[in-house]
Amino acid sequence: MRSIQQKEQEKSIENKLVYKGKIITLQLETFDVLGKSKTFEVIKHGGAVVILPIAADGRILLVQQWRRAVGEITIELPAGGLEKGEEPLACAKRELQEETGFAAKKIKPFGGFYSAPGFCDEFLHMFLAEDLYPSPLPPDDGEMIDLLPVTLNEAKHLITENRIRDAKTIAGILRYIVCGNG
């Protein structure tokens, strides 16, 4: 017996492009689900990386930046979108340098996750970066970022106080705790 998901995949009625931008594409995908037409708004995204950088003193390098979509300064792990054809590791190395001013002697894959699979296909490749050394790259145009090094306990406190509200940052710190700090 086939699952509902398999039936849904087989019964595509229409896939309509609504918007195509530099970062996202919005599609309306219509399926026949158990004899009923159902339309989903789906955001297509090229993927991104998120980096958990650990300084020599054990502090996590977080960044603070203005986020127009939410209208506030957020506290986040360094992250950024994959450029077309770019490998996640290369992107992670570049974003680490652009956002923190550091490079890592050791950088390794550290899992990954979907940002919001109910409506978006964005997959975030997570990396753990250690043995950091100064190596700044110019930030992206218009990007203003402040570095915020914190201990793991301080990071947990920022989460419990609802000062870190960025899902990828909460997920990254949780993975770091659960996976035995790397």
C-alpha atoms as a PDB file:
ATOM      1  CA  MET A   1       0.000   0.000   0.000  1.00  0.00           C
ATOM      2  CA  ARG A   2       1.304   3.439  -0.935  1.00  0.00           C
ATOM      3  CA  SER A   3       1.437   6.237   1.593  1.00  0.00           C
ATOM      4  CA  ILE A   4      -0.423   9.529   1.216  1.00  0.00           C
ATOM      5  CA  GLN A   5       2.917  11.195   0.437  1.00  0.00           C
ATOM      6  CA  GLN A   6       3.526   8.796  -2.457  1.00  0.00           C
ATOM      7  CA  LYS A   7       0.009   9.405  -3.776  1.00  0.00           C
ATOM      8  CA  GLU A   8       0.495  13.164  -3.436  1.00  0.00           C
ATOM      9  CA  GLN A   9       3.732  12.995  -5.446  1.00  0.00           C
ATOM     10  CA  GLU A  10       2.034  10.987  -8.191  1.00  0.00           C
ATOM     11  CA  LYS A  11      -0.998  13.255  -8.575  1.00  0.00           C
ATOM     12  CA  SER A  12       0.537  16.625  -9.384  1.00  0.00           C
ATOM     13  CA  ILE A  13      -1.992  18.777 -11.217  1.00  0.00           C
ATOM     14  CA  GLU A  14      -0.164  22.059 -11.660  1.00  0.00           C
ATOM     15  CA  ASN A  15       3.060  23.793 -10.679  1.00  0.00           C
ATOM     16  CA  LYS A  16       2.829  27.555 -11.195  1.00  0.00           C
ATOM     17  CA  LEU A  17       5.734  29.987 -10.823  1.00  0.00           C
ATOM     18  CA  VAL A  18       4.509  33.065  -8.935  1.00  0.00           C
ATOM     19  CA  TYR A  19       7.759  34.893  -8.232  1.00  0.00           C
ATOM     20  CA  LYS A  20      11.444  34.387  -9.017  1.00  0.00           C
ATOM     21  CA  GLY A  21      13.955  36.517  -7.105  1.00  0.00           C
ATOM     22  CA  LYS A  22      17.686  36.386  -6.396  1.00  0.00           C
ATOM     23  CA  ILE A  23      17.238  34.389  -3.188  1.00  0.00           C
ATOM     24  CA  ILE A  24      13.856  32.672  -3.365  1.00  0.00           C
ATOM     25  CA  THR A  25      11.284  31.397  -5.801  1.00  0.00           C
ATOM     26  CA  LEU A  26       7.602  31.127  -4.875  1.00  0.00           C
ATOM     27  CA  GLN A  27       5.550  28.392  -6.502  1.00  0.00           C
ATOM     28  CA  LEU A  28       1.951  27.289  -6.187  1.00  0.00           C
ATOM     29  CA  GLU A  29       1.913  23.501  -6.322  1.00  0.00           C
ATOM     30  CA  THR A  30      -1.471  21.864  -6.795  1.00  0.00           C
ATOM     31  CA  PHE A  31      -2.011  18.162  -6.109  1.00  0.00           C
ATOM     32  CA  ASP A  32      -4.888  15.741  -6.132  1.00  0.00           C
ATOM     33  CA  VAL A  33      -4.911  14.417  -2.568  1.00  0.00           C
ATOM     34  CA  LEU A  34      -7.453  11.640  -2.055  1.00  0.00           C
ATOM     35  CA  GLY A  35      -9.717  13.056  -4.762  1.00  0.00           C
ATOM     36  CA  LYS A  36      -9.486  16.664  -3.598  1.00  0.00           C
ATOM     37  CA  SER A  37      -7.432  19.431  -5.149  1.00  0.00           C
ATOM     38  CA  LYS A  38      -5.040  21.025  -2.662  1.00  0.00           C
ATOM     39  CA  THR A  39      -2.698  23.952  -3.389  1.00  0.00           C
ATOM     40  CA  PHE A  40       0.494  24.604  -1.453  1.00  0.00           C
ATOM     41  CA  GLU A  41       2.567  27.781  -1.435  1.00  0.00           C
ATOM     42  CA  VAL A  42       6.169  26.572  -1.635  1.00  0.00           C
ATOM     43  CA  ILE A  43       9.297  28.677  -1.330  1.00  0.00           C
ATOM     44  CA  LYS A  44      12.298  27.268  -3.169  1.00  0.00           C
ATOM     45  CA  HIS A  45      15.677  28.284  -1.786  1.00  0.00           C
ATOM     46  CA  GLY A  46      19.184  27.364  -2.915  1.00  0.00           C
ATOM     47  CA  GLY A  47      20.293  26.300   0.563  1.00  0.00           C
ATOM     48  CA  ALA A  48      22.516  27.837   3.186  1.00  0.00           C
ATOM     49  CA  VAL A  49      25.174  27.148   5.774  1.00  0.00           C
ATOM     50  CA  VAL A  50      25.328  27.848   9.489  1.00  0.00           C
ATOM     51  CA  ILE A  51      28.614  27.797  11.362  1.00  0.00           C
ATOM     52  CA  LEU A  52      29.225  27.146  15.050  1.00  0.00           C
ATOM     53  CA  PRO A  53      32.631  28.796  15.613  1.00  0.00           C
ATOM     54  CA  ILE A  54      34.439  27.930  18.845  1.00  0.00           C
ATOM     55  CA  ALA A  55      37.238  30.287  19.924  1.00  0.00           C
ATOM     56  CA  ALA A  56      40.404  29.071  21.685  1.00  0.00           C
ATOM     57  CA  ASP A  57      38.917  30.079  25.049  1.00  0.00           C
ATOM     58  CA  GLY A  58      35.819  27.936  24.358  1.00  0.00           C
ATOM     59  CA  ARG A  59      33.497  30.834  23.633  1.00  0.00           C
ATOM     60  CA  ILE A  60      31.004  30.624  20.784  1.00  0.00           C
ATOM     61  CA  LEU A  61      31.275  33.460  18.285  1.00  0.00           C
ATOM     62  CA  LEU A  62      27.771  34.797  17.745  1.00  0.00           C
ATOM     63  CA  VAL A  63      26.902  37.763  15.568  1.00  0.00           C
ATOM     64  CA  GLN A  64      24.420  40.578  15.997  1.00  0.00           C
ATOM     65  CA  GLN A  65      22.816  42.197  12.986  1.00  0.00           C
ATOM     66  CA  TRP A  66      19.758  44.130  11.915  1.00  0.00           C
ATOM     67  CA  ARG A  67      17.202  41.881  10.219  1.00  0.00           C
ATOM     68  CA  ARG A  68      14.748  43.834   8.119  1.00  0.00           C
ATOM     69  CA  ALA A  69      12.212  40.980   7.903  1.00  0.00           C
ATOM     70  CA  VAL A  70      11.645  41.022  11.681  1.00  0.00           C
ATOM     71  CA  GLY A  71      12.557  44.663  12.285  1.00  0.00           C
ATOM     72  CA  GLU A  72      15.118  44.078  15.008  1.00  0.00           C
ATOM     73  CA  ILE A  73      18.715  43.258  15.811  1.00  0.00           C
ATOM     74  CA  THR A  74      19.071  39.503  16.180  1.00  0.00           C
ATOM     75  CA  ILE A  75      21.704  37.334  17.848  1.00  0.00           C
ATOM     76  CA  GLU A  76      22.709  34.470  15.575  1.00  0.00           C
ATOM     77  CA  LEU A  77      25.350  31.990  14.596  1.00  0.00           C
ATOM     78  CA  PRO A  78      27.190  33.106  11.457  1.00  0.00           C
ATOM     79  CA  ALA A  79      25.375  31.878   8.366  1.00  0.00           C
ATOM     80  CA  GLY A  80      24.774  32.605   4.726  1.00  0.00           C
ATOM     81  CA  GLY A  81      23.270  31.424   1.492  1.00  0.00           C
ATOM     82  CA  LEU A  82      24.996  29.149  -0.959  1.00  0.00           C
ATOM     83  CA  GLU A  83      25.965  30.820  -4.198  1.00  0.00           C
ATOM     84  CA  LYS A  84      24.996  29.000  -7.386  1.00  0.00           C
ATOM     85  CA  GLY A  85      27.226  25.916  -7.743  1.00  0.00           C
ATOM     86  CA  GLU A  86      29.039  26.589  -4.456  1.00  0.00           C
ATOM     87  CA  GLU A  87      29.908  23.682  -2.186  1.00  0.00           C
ATOM     88  CA  PRO A  88      28.638  24.013   1.412  1.00  0.00           C
ATOM     89  CA  LEU A  89      32.150  23.764   2.929  1.00  0.00           C
ATOM     90  CA  ALA A  90      33.479  26.563   0.725  1.00  0.00           C
ATOM     91  CA  CYS A  91      30.458  28.685   1.633  1.00  0.00           C
ATOM     92  CA  ALA A  92      30.959  28.001   5.350  1.00  0.00           C
ATOM     93  CA  LYS A  93      34.605  29.063   5.171  1.00  0.00           C
ATOM     94  CA  ARG A  94      33.715  32.260   3.305  1.00  0.00           C
ATOM     95  CA  GLU A  95      30.798  33.190   5.577  1.00  0.00           C
ATOM     96  CA  LEU A  96      32.886  32.575   8.710  1.00  0.00           C
ATOM     97  CA  GLN A  97      35.520  35.032   7.475  1.00  0.00           C
ATOM     98  CA  GLU A  98      32.991  37.626   6.250  1.00  0.00           C
ATOM     99  CA  GLU A  99      30.860  37.606   9.384  1.00  0.00           C
ATOM    100  CA  THR A 100      33.399  37.023  12.183  1.00  0.00           C
ATOM    101  CA  GLY A 101      36.770  38.028  10.740  1.00  0.00           C
ATOM    102  CA  PHE A 102      38.160  34.566  11.545  1.00  0.00           C
ATOM    103  CA  ALA A 103      39.058  31.442   9.600  1.00  0.00           C
ATOM    104  CA  ALA A 104      39.317  27.934  11.061  1.00  0.00           C
ATOM    105  CA  LYS A 105      42.123  25.391  10.908  1.00  0.00           C
ATOM    106  CA  LYS A 106      39.483  22.735  11.632  1.00  0.00           C
ATOM    107  CA  ILE A 107      36.020  22.952  10.091  1.00  0.00           C
ATOM    108  CA  LYS A 108      33.815  19.917   9.741  1.00  0.00           C
ATOM    109  CA  PRO A 109      30.220  19.049   8.870  1.00  0.00           C
ATOM    110  CA  PHE A 110      27.995  19.084  11.947  1.00  0.00           C
ATOM    111  CA  GLY A 111      24.642  17.884  10.637  1.00  0.00           C
ATOM    112  CA  GLY A 112      21.963  19.967   9.024  1.00  0.00           C
ATOM    113  CA  PHE A 113      18.258  20.704   8.980  1.00  0.00           C
ATOM    114  CA  TYR A 114      15.395  22.264   7.063  1.00  0.00           C
ATOM    115  CA  SER A 115      14.543  25.809   8.148  1.00  0.00           C
ATOM    116  CA  ALA A 116      10.757  25.569   7.708  1.00  0.00           C
ATOM    117  CA  PRO A 117       9.742  22.410   5.803  1.00  0.00           C
ATOM    118  CA  GLY A 118       6.034  23.229   5.980  1.00  0.00           C
ATOM    119  CA  PHE A 119       6.456  25.803   3.208  1.00  0.00           C
ATOM    120  CA  CYS A 120      10.152  26.074   2.294  1.00  0.00           C
ATOM    121  CA  ASP A 121      12.762  23.631   0.951  1.00  0.00           C
ATOM    122  CA  GLU A 122      15.767  25.533   2.390  1.00  0.00           C
ATOM    123  CA  PHE A 123      18.330  23.123   3.854  1.00  0.00           C
ATOM    124  CA  LEU A 124      20.948  24.495   6.239  1.00  0.00           C
ATOM    125  CA  HIS A 125      24.281  22.660   6.269  1.00  0.00           C
ATOM    126  CA  MET A 126      25.818  23.040   9.713  1.00  0.00           C
ATOM    127  CA  PHE A 127      29.572  23.200  10.356  1.00  0.00           C
ATOM    128  CA  LEU A 128      31.663  23.180  13.515  1.00  0.00           C
ATOM    129  CA  ALA A 129      34.675  25.510  13.247  1.00  0.00           C
ATOM    130  CA  GLU A 130      37.595  25.279  15.682  1.00  0.00           C
ATOM    131  CA  ASP A 131      41.198  26.492  15.941  1.00  0.00           C
ATOM    132  CA  LEU A 132      40.212  29.959  14.792  1.00  0.00           C
ATOM    133  CA  TYR A 133      42.674  32.608  13.655  1.00  0.00           C
ATOM    134  CA  PRO A 134      42.160  36.179  12.413  1.00  0.00           C
ATOM    135  CA  SER A 135      41.478  36.281   8.671  1.00  0.00           C
ATOM    136  CA  PRO A 136      38.848  38.877   7.791  1.00  0.00           C
ATOM    137  CA  LEU A 137      37.099  39.194   4.445  1.00  0.00           C
ATOM    138  CA  PRO A 138      35.044  42.238   3.498  1.00  0.00           C
ATOM    139  CA  PRO A 139      31.381  41.816   4.477  1.00  0.00           C
ATOM    140  CA  ASP A 140      28.613  41.617   1.883  1.00  0.00           C
ATOM    141  CA  ASP A 141      27.419  44.991   0.597  1.00  0.00           C
ATOM    142  CA  GLY A 142      25.351  46.762   3.226  1.00  0.00           C
ATOM    143  CA  GLU A 143      26.002  44.097   5.845  1.00  0.00           C
ATOM    144  CA  MET A 144      26.885  45.458   9.285  1.00  0.00           C
ATOM    145  CA  ILE A 145      27.648  42.806  11.873  1.00  0.00           C
ATOM    146  CA  ASP A 146      28.878  42.984  15.454  1.00  0.00           C
ATOM    147  CA  LEU A 147      30.722  40.031  16.963  1.00  0.00           C
ATOM    148  CA  LEU A 148      29.383  38.675  20.272  1.00  0.00           C
ATOM    149  CA  PRO A 149      31.614  35.970  21.838  1.00  0.00           C
ATOM    150  CA  VAL A 150      29.752  34.089  24.597  1.00  0.00           C
ATOM    151  CA  THR A 151      30.331  31.059  26.789  1.00  0.00           C
ATOM    152  CA  LEU A 152      28.041  28.083  26.337  1.00  0.00           C
ATOM    153  CA  ASN A 153      26.288  28.985  29.607  1.00  0.00           C
ATOM    154  CA  GLU A 154      25.804  32.553  28.391  1.00  0.00           C
ATOM    155  CA  ALA A 155      24.371  31.235  25.114  1.00  0.00           C
ATOM    156  CA  LYS A 156      21.932  29.015  27.039  1.00  0.00           C
ATOM    157  CA  HIS A 157      20.937  32.011  29.169  1.00  0.00           C
ATOM    158  CA  LEU A 158      20.338  34.137  26.059  1.00  0.00           C
ATOM    159  CA  ILE A 159      18.040  31.392  24.768  1.00  0.00           C
ATOM    160  CA  THR A 160      16.111  30.973  28.029  1.00  0.00           C
ATOM    161  CA  GLU A 161      15.738  34.770  28.314  1.00  0.00           C
ATOM    162  CA  ASN A 162      14.328  34.790  24.752  1.00  0.00           C
ATOM    163  CA  ARG A 163      17.134  37.058  23.525  1.00  0.00           C
ATOM    164  CA  ILE A 164      18.213  34.445  20.981  1.00  0.00           C
ATOM    165  CA  ARG A 165      15.094  33.785  18.923  1.00  0.00           C
ATOM    166  CA  ASP A 166      16.729  32.628  15.720  1.00  0.00           C
ATOM    167  CA  ALA A 167      15.843  28.973  15.068  1.00  0.00           C
ATOM    168  CA  LYS A 168      19.119  28.006  13.381  1.00  0.00           C
ATOM    169  CA  THR A 169      21.079  29.393  16.313  1.00  0.00           C
ATOM    170  CA  ILE A 170      18.966  27.579  18.889  1.00  0.00           C
ATOM    171  CA  ALA A 171      19.246  24.355  16.844  1.00  0.00           C
ATOM    172  CA  GLY A 172      23.014  24.766  16.470  1.00  0.00           C
ATOM    173  CA  ILE A 173      23.605  25.348  20.161  1.00  0.00           C
ATOM    174  CA  LEU A 174      21.354  22.415  21.055  1.00  0.00           C
ATOM    175  CA  ARG A 175      23.250  20.154  18.635  1.00  0.00           C
ATOM    176  CA  TYR A 176      26.515  21.289  20.241  1.00  0.00           C
ATOM    177  CA  ILE A 177      25.179  20.416  23.711  1.00  0.00           C
ATOM    178  CA  VAL A 178      23.652  17.077  22.660  1.00  0.00           C
ATOM    179  CA  CYS A 179      26.623  15.930  20.572  1.00  0.00           C
ATOM    180  CA  GLY A 180      29.079  16.341  23.440  1.00  0.00           C
ATOM    181  CA  ASN A 181      30.469  19.682  22.310  1.00  0.00           C
ATOM    182  CA  GLY A 182      31.564  18.326  18.991  1.00  0.00           C
END
